[in-house]
Amino acid sequence: MGSKVTFGFSLVLVLAVSSFLIGCGGGGLTATLGPAPSPSPTPVPTGLPVADHVFVIVLENHAFAQIVGSSSMPFLNSLATQHSLAANYFANTHPSIGNYFMLTTGNIQTNDDAFTGTVSSDNIAQALTTAGKTWRSYMESLPSAGYTGNDVYPYFKHHDPFTYMTGVLSTQTADIVPFSQLPNDLAAGTLPSFAFIAPNVEDDAHDCPGGGVLCTDDAKLAAADAWLNTNIGPLISSPALANSVFIITFDESLDIDVINGGGQVATVLVGSHVKSGFRSTTFYQHQSTLRLVLDLLRVSDHPGSSATAPAMDEFFQ
C-alpha cells in the first residue's frame, strides 16, 4: 500500500538483500514451555533514577526510517526530539509474538503467532511480584477484565504476552484489564509500578483505522500517532506521574527487514529524568528494555537475556 516515506538507497538495498535470507516461519508449539534457570541478580547501573511507575507502550510493524521524521507521526516525533531516541535499536525476530515475549520474559519463546501453549519460565510479572511490586497489562478492546481467551477483533491475544504466563493464569488474571481502566486507576491512585500498554490493531499501526485493508500506510501511522497523543500525552503531562518513565517502541520492523532478527525500530524514552534532545547510537534490543524496566523499579531479578543485556542508563540525567 502507498506511503509517502522515502527510504535512503542504502536501507532499501539492505532490505532487498535481507529478503533472500528469510526462512520459513516457526512451527506452532502446543506444549507448556519448561522453566529456565533463574538468572543471578543483576546490579542496577549507578546513578539510574528510581521510578514510581514505568510504562511500556508497544506499536506495530514499522521500520525506524518510516517513523523518525515522518509527517504522519508529529506527536511521537516531538517526543523523540524533546526527550530521548534510541537510534540503533532492533527488534529480535519476526513475527510479532516473539518480540512481545522478549519484552516480558527475556526470551523469544515462539515464532508462532497462533501459539496455544503456556510459558512457565521466569518473567517480568513473576519478578515484580516477588519483589513486592505491582503490574498491570492494559489492553485496548480487551473483551473484559481477566480475559485470556482468543482474539476478539480488534484485540489480538498474541499482543498480550501475560495471557500465556502460567503464574499469571493461576493467580493474577485480574491484572489483565481493558485499557479503559487506566484513567480510573490514575484517578484512584492505584496505578501499578509497571504498566504494559497495547492499543488495539486499528490504533497501533497494524491495521487500517476503522478496520478494512484499503488505506495508506500513512493513515495507519496517523491513527497510531493520534492515539498516542490522546491517550499517552495526558499521562506524560500529569503531575501525578512526574516521577515516571514512558517507553514507546515497536514490536518489529517490516517483514523483509531481518537485520539483527527483527529489523530496526523506533524507541522513544520520555520522563522528567530522561535526557532532553538525546539521540543514542548504542545497539539495543527488546531485552534491554526489559532490563531497564526492572532497573528503574529496583528489581534484581532479570529474566532470560535481560540479565546480560546492555543497560540503558545513558538515557538518564
Protein backbone atom coordinates (compact mmCIF):
# COMPACT_ATOMS: atom_id res chain seq x y z
CA MET A 1 0.00 0.00 0.00
CA GLY A 2 1.07 3.56 -0.58
CA SER A 3 3.42 5.53 1.63
CA LYS A 4 4.88 8.98 1.38
CA VAL A 5 8.02 7.96 3.28
CA THR A 6 11.17 7.83 1.14
CA PHE A 7 13.86 5.42 2.21
CA GLY A 8 17.56 6.03 1.68
CA PHE A 9 19.17 3.94 -1.06
CA SER A 10 21.35 2.04 1.40
CA LEU A 11 18.40 0.97 3.55
CA VAL A 12 16.45 -0.22 0.50
CA LEU A 13 19.47 -2.19 -0.70
CA VAL A 14 19.98 -3.81 2.70
CA LEU A 15 16.30 -4.74 2.98
CA ALA A 16 16.23 -6.14 -0.53
CA VAL A 17 19.23 -8.34 0.17
CA SER A 18 17.79 -9.34 3.53
CA SER A 19 14.58 -10.59 1.92
CA PHE A 20 16.51 -13.51 0.41
CA LEU A 21 17.54 -14.57 3.91
CA ILE A 22 14.05 -15.03 5.32
CA GLY A 23 13.34 -18.65 6.11
CA CYS A 24 10.08 -20.39 6.85
CA GLY A 25 8.21 -19.35 9.99
CA GLY A 26 8.47 -21.36 13.19
CA GLY A 27 6.04 -24.18 13.81
CA GLY A 28 3.29 -23.96 16.37
CA LEU A 29 4.01 -25.01 19.94
CA THR A 30 1.25 -26.51 21.99
CA ALA A 31 3.12 -27.89 24.98
CA THR A 32 3.96 -25.87 28.05
CA LEU A 33 7.46 -24.45 27.82
CA GLY A 34 9.60 -25.58 30.71
CA PRO A 35 11.12 -23.18 33.21
CA ALA A 36 14.52 -21.71 32.55
CA PRO A 37 17.04 -21.27 35.36
CA SER A 38 16.56 -18.01 37.22
CA PRO A 39 19.35 -15.55 36.39
CA SER A 40 21.63 -14.22 39.06
CA PRO A 41 20.73 -10.77 40.40
CA THR A 42 21.93 -8.09 38.03
CA PRO A 43 23.41 -4.89 39.51
CA VAL A 44 21.47 -1.71 38.78
CA PRO A 45 23.59 0.88 36.93
CA THR A 46 24.95 3.57 39.23
CA GLY A 47 23.03 6.81 39.03
CA LEU A 48 19.88 5.39 37.43
CA PRO A 49 16.81 7.07 39.00
CA VAL A 50 14.17 5.20 40.95
CA ALA A 51 10.85 5.50 39.10
CA ASP A 52 7.44 5.42 40.74
CA HIS A 53 5.88 3.98 37.58
CA VAL A 54 7.22 2.64 34.28
CA PHE A 55 5.01 2.47 31.19
CA VAL A 56 5.86 0.41 28.10
CA ILE A 57 3.69 1.17 25.06
CA VAL A 58 4.04 -1.14 22.05
CA LEU A 59 3.09 -0.25 18.47
CA GLU A 60 3.30 -2.49 15.40
CA ASN A 61 5.21 -3.46 12.29
CA HIS A 62 7.11 -0.41 11.06
CA ALA A 63 10.74 0.39 10.34
CA PHE A 64 12.75 3.13 12.02
CA ALA A 65 13.02 5.03 8.72
CA GLN A 66 9.22 5.02 8.35
CA ILE A 67 8.71 6.59 11.77
CA VAL A 68 11.50 9.02 12.56
CA GLY A 69 10.90 12.21 10.61
CA SER A 70 7.50 11.07 9.33
CA SER A 71 4.92 13.83 8.90
CA SER A 72 2.28 11.23 9.77
CA MET A 73 3.55 10.95 13.35
CA PRO A 74 4.14 14.50 14.59
CA PHE A 75 3.40 13.70 18.23
CA LEU A 76 5.81 10.76 18.50
CA ASN A 77 8.49 12.69 16.65
CA SER A 78 8.03 15.64 19.01
CA LEU A 79 8.63 13.30 21.94
CA ALA A 80 11.73 11.90 20.23
CA THR A 81 13.08 15.41 19.67
CA GLN A 82 12.28 16.78 23.11
CA HIS A 83 13.28 13.70 25.09
CA SER A 84 15.40 10.68 24.01
CA LEU A 85 15.55 8.46 20.95
CA ALA A 86 17.25 5.06 20.71
CA ALA A 87 18.52 5.36 17.13
CA ASN A 88 20.25 1.97 16.95
CA TYR A 89 17.50 -0.25 18.40
CA PHE A 90 16.43 -3.52 16.77
CA ALA A 91 13.58 -5.96 17.29
CA ASN A 92 14.54 -9.59 17.88
CA THR A 93 12.52 -11.64 15.41
CA HIS A 94 9.52 -11.95 13.10
CA PRO A 95 6.56 -12.19 13.53
CA SER A 96 5.12 -10.28 16.49
CA ILE A 97 4.78 -12.76 19.32
CA GLY A 98 8.48 -13.47 19.90
CA ASN A 99 9.14 -9.76 20.40
CA TYR A 100 6.36 -9.41 22.97
CA PHE A 101 7.85 -12.36 24.85
CA MET A 102 11.34 -10.85 24.67
CA LEU A 103 9.97 -7.66 26.24
CA THR A 104 8.49 -9.64 29.15
CA THR A 105 10.45 -12.90 29.55
CA GLY A 106 13.84 -12.14 28.00
CA ASN A 107 13.38 -14.98 25.51
CA ILE A 108 11.63 -15.30 22.15
CA GLN A 109 9.76 -18.43 23.34
CA THR A 110 8.00 -19.00 19.97
CA ASN A 111 7.66 -17.51 16.49
CA ASP A 112 4.10 -18.78 16.05
CA ASP A 113 1.50 -16.04 16.42
CA ALA A 114 -1.10 -18.81 16.79
CA PHE A 115 0.74 -20.29 19.79
CA THR A 116 -1.69 -22.10 22.11
CA GLY A 117 0.67 -23.20 24.86
CA THR A 118 1.76 -21.56 28.08
CA VAL A 119 5.07 -20.15 29.31
CA SER A 120 6.39 -21.06 32.74
CA SER A 121 9.87 -19.55 32.52
CA ASP A 122 10.84 -16.53 34.62
CA ASN A 123 9.11 -13.35 33.50
CA ILE A 124 8.50 -9.73 34.44
CA ALA A 125 5.23 -10.44 36.28
CA GLN A 126 6.96 -13.01 38.47
CA ALA A 127 9.99 -10.78 39.06
CA LEU A 128 7.87 -7.79 40.04
CA THR A 129 5.53 -9.77 42.28
CA THR A 130 8.40 -11.43 44.10
CA ALA A 131 9.97 -8.01 44.70
CA GLY A 132 6.73 -6.63 46.13
CA LYS A 133 5.98 -4.50 43.07
CA THR A 134 2.71 -4.34 41.15
CA TRP A 135 1.97 -4.66 37.44
CA ARG A 136 -0.97 -4.49 35.08
CA SER A 137 -1.49 -5.18 31.39
CA TYR A 138 -3.75 -2.54 29.82
CA MET A 139 -5.10 -3.87 26.52
CA GLU A 140 -7.33 -1.73 24.34
CA SER A 141 -10.53 -3.56 23.28
CA LEU A 142 -9.94 -6.46 25.68
CA PRO A 143 -13.44 -8.02 25.99
CA SER A 144 -13.41 -7.96 29.80
CA ALA A 145 -11.07 -7.78 32.78
CA GLY A 146 -9.25 -11.07 33.25
CA TYR A 147 -9.95 -12.24 29.70
CA THR A 148 -7.32 -14.75 28.50
CA GLY A 149 -9.14 -16.23 25.51
CA ASN A 150 -8.55 -15.96 21.78
CA ASP A 151 -8.67 -12.91 19.51
CA VAL A 152 -11.77 -10.75 19.57
CA TYR A 153 -11.11 -8.20 16.85
CA PRO A 154 -9.63 -5.61 17.14
CA TYR A 155 -7.97 -7.21 20.23
CA PHE A 156 -5.16 -9.70 19.47
CA LYS A 157 -4.21 -12.21 22.17
CA HIS A 158 -0.62 -12.58 20.90
CA HIS A 159 -0.05 -8.87 21.61
CA ASP A 160 -0.60 -9.59 25.31
CA PRO A 161 2.19 -11.92 26.50
CA PHE A 162 0.77 -12.05 30.04
CA THR A 163 -2.10 -14.25 28.84
CA TYR A 164 0.37 -17.13 28.33
CA MET A 165 2.26 -16.97 31.64
CA THR A 166 1.43 -19.84 33.99
CA GLY A 167 1.80 -17.77 37.16
CA VAL A 168 -0.49 -15.07 35.81
CA LEU A 169 -3.05 -17.62 34.63
CA SER A 170 -3.15 -19.27 38.06
CA THR A 171 -3.43 -16.23 40.33
CA GLN A 172 -3.14 -12.87 38.54
CA THR A 173 -5.61 -12.71 35.64
CA ALA A 174 -7.28 -9.75 37.39
CA ASP A 175 -4.24 -7.70 36.35
CA ILE A 176 -5.08 -8.14 32.65
CA VAL A 177 -7.57 -5.33 32.07
CA PRO A 178 -9.07 -3.19 29.31
CA PHE A 179 -7.13 0.00 28.58
CA SER A 180 -10.24 1.96 29.55
CA GLN A 181 -9.49 1.10 33.19
CA LEU A 182 -6.25 3.09 33.24
CA PRO A 183 -7.84 6.55 33.75
CA ASN A 184 -9.83 5.12 36.66
CA ASP A 185 -6.68 3.66 38.21
CA LEU A 186 -4.93 7.00 37.83
CA ALA A 187 -7.81 8.87 39.46
CA ALA A 188 -7.95 6.36 42.32
CA GLY A 189 -4.19 6.44 42.87
CA THR A 190 -3.93 2.71 42.16
CA LEU A 191 -1.67 2.69 39.11
CA PRO A 192 0.77 -0.23 39.25
CA SER A 193 4.54 0.05 39.37
CA PHE A 194 4.67 -1.31 35.81
CA ALA A 195 2.05 -0.77 33.13
CA PHE A 196 2.21 -2.67 29.84
CA ILE A 197 0.05 -0.91 27.24
CA ALA A 198 -1.02 -2.13 23.80
CA PRO A 199 -3.53 -0.29 21.60
CA ASN A 200 -5.87 -2.44 19.52
CA VAL A 201 -4.81 -3.31 15.97
CA GLU A 202 -6.69 -0.37 14.46
CA ASP A 203 -4.77 2.05 16.68
CA ASP A 204 -1.27 0.51 16.81
CA ALA A 205 -0.41 0.93 13.07
CA HIS A 206 -1.08 -2.77 12.39
CA ASP A 207 -4.42 -2.39 10.56
CA CYS A 208 -6.34 0.42 8.94
CA PRO A 209 -8.16 2.75 11.33
CA GLY A 210 -11.80 1.69 11.47
CA GLY A 211 -10.97 -1.74 10.05
CA GLY A 212 -10.59 -2.91 6.49
CA VAL A 213 -7.49 -3.13 4.31
CA LEU A 214 -7.93 -0.22 1.90
CA CYS A 215 -5.88 2.56 3.43
CA THR A 216 -2.44 4.05 3.02
CA ASP A 217 0.38 3.32 5.39
CA ASP A 218 0.33 6.99 6.30
CA ALA A 219 -3.25 6.53 7.52
CA LYS A 220 -2.16 3.71 9.85
CA LEU A 221 0.67 5.80 11.27
CA ALA A 222 -1.51 8.88 11.67
CA ALA A 223 -4.09 6.85 13.60
CA ALA A 224 -1.42 5.44 15.91
CA ASP A 225 0.05 8.90 16.48
CA ALA A 226 -3.38 10.35 17.26
CA TRP A 227 -3.97 7.53 19.74
CA LEU A 228 -0.68 8.27 21.49
CA ASN A 229 -1.44 11.98 21.61
CA THR A 230 -4.93 11.42 23.04
CA ASN A 231 -4.17 8.61 25.48
CA ILE A 232 -0.49 8.78 26.42
CA GLY A 233 0.05 12.52 26.10
CA PRO A 234 -2.08 13.35 29.17
CA LEU A 235 -0.23 10.73 31.22
CA ILE A 236 3.13 12.21 30.28
CA SER A 237 1.98 15.68 31.34
CA SER A 238 0.20 14.55 34.52
CA PRO A 239 1.77 15.99 37.71
CA ALA A 240 0.85 12.74 39.47
CA LEU A 241 3.20 10.86 37.13
CA ALA A 242 6.11 13.31 37.24
CA ASN A 243 8.47 10.60 38.53
CA SER A 244 7.53 8.10 35.84
CA VAL A 245 9.27 6.81 32.72
CA PHE A 246 7.46 6.15 29.43
CA ILE A 247 8.98 3.85 26.80
CA ILE A 248 7.31 3.78 23.37
CA THR A 249 8.57 1.12 20.97
CA PHE A 250 7.52 -1.02 18.00
CA ASP A 251 7.39 -4.80 18.20
CA GLU A 252 9.12 -5.39 14.85
CA SER A 253 10.16 -3.74 11.61
CA LEU A 254 8.99 -4.65 8.11
CA ASP A 255 8.91 -8.38 7.35
CA ILE A 256 11.71 -8.03 4.80
CA ASP A 257 13.96 -6.36 7.36
CA VAL A 258 15.63 -9.20 9.25
CA ILE A 259 18.70 -7.28 10.40
CA ASN A 260 19.54 -8.44 13.94
CA GLY A 261 16.46 -10.65 13.81
CA GLY A 262 13.54 -8.23 13.63
CA GLY A 263 14.87 -5.13 11.93
CA GLN A 264 15.43 -1.59 13.14
CA VAL A 265 12.57 0.05 15.04
CA ALA A 266 11.98 3.41 16.68
CA THR A 267 12.12 3.52 20.50
CA VAL A 268 11.46 6.73 22.42
CA LEU A 269 12.02 7.36 26.14
CA VAL A 270 10.17 10.12 27.97
CA GLY A 271 10.22 11.37 31.55
CA SER A 272 11.48 14.07 33.86
CA HIS A 273 14.73 12.18 34.46
CA VAL A 274 15.24 11.34 30.78
CA LYS A 275 17.79 13.42 28.90
CA SER A 276 16.40 16.18 26.69
CA GLY A 277 17.21 16.10 22.99
CA PHE A 278 19.33 12.95 23.35
CA ARG A 279 19.91 10.51 20.47
CA SER A 280 21.72 7.28 21.30
CA THR A 281 23.73 5.27 18.78
CA THR A 282 24.28 2.33 21.16
CA PHE A 283 22.97 -1.03 19.96
CA TYR A 284 19.92 -2.21 21.90
CA GLN A 285 17.16 -4.79 21.55
CA HIS A 286 13.98 -5.58 23.47
CA GLN A 287 15.81 -7.41 26.26
CA SER A 288 17.45 -4.11 27.20
CA THR A 289 14.03 -2.53 27.60
CA LEU A 290 13.03 -5.40 29.90
CA ARG A 291 16.18 -4.84 31.92
CA LEU A 292 15.56 -1.08 32.07
CA VAL A 293 12.04 -1.53 33.46
CA LEU A 294 13.35 -3.72 36.26
CA ASP A 295 16.34 -1.47 36.92
CA LEU A 296 14.13 1.61 37.24
CA LEU A 297 11.92 -0.22 39.74
CA ARG A 298 14.94 -1.64 41.60
CA VAL A 299 14.07 -5.28 40.94
CA SER A 300 17.16 -7.51 40.95
CA ASP A 301 15.67 -10.50 39.11
CA HIS A 302 16.30 -10.10 35.37
CA PRO A 303 14.59 -12.87 33.36
CA GLY A 304 16.28 -14.54 30.40
CA SER A 305 18.66 -12.49 28.31
CA SER A 306 17.76 -9.26 30.13
CA ALA A 307 20.33 -10.36 32.74
CA THR A 308 23.17 -9.74 30.29
CA ALA A 309 21.57 -7.12 28.04
CA PRO A 310 23.23 -3.71 27.66
CA ALA A 311 21.92 -1.32 30.32
CA MET A 312 20.14 1.80 29.08
CA ASP A 313 21.35 4.14 31.82
CA GLU A 314 22.85 6.57 29.25
CA PHE A 315 19.34 7.93 28.61
CA PHE A 316 19.03 9.38 32.10
CA GLN A 317 20.41 12.54 33.69
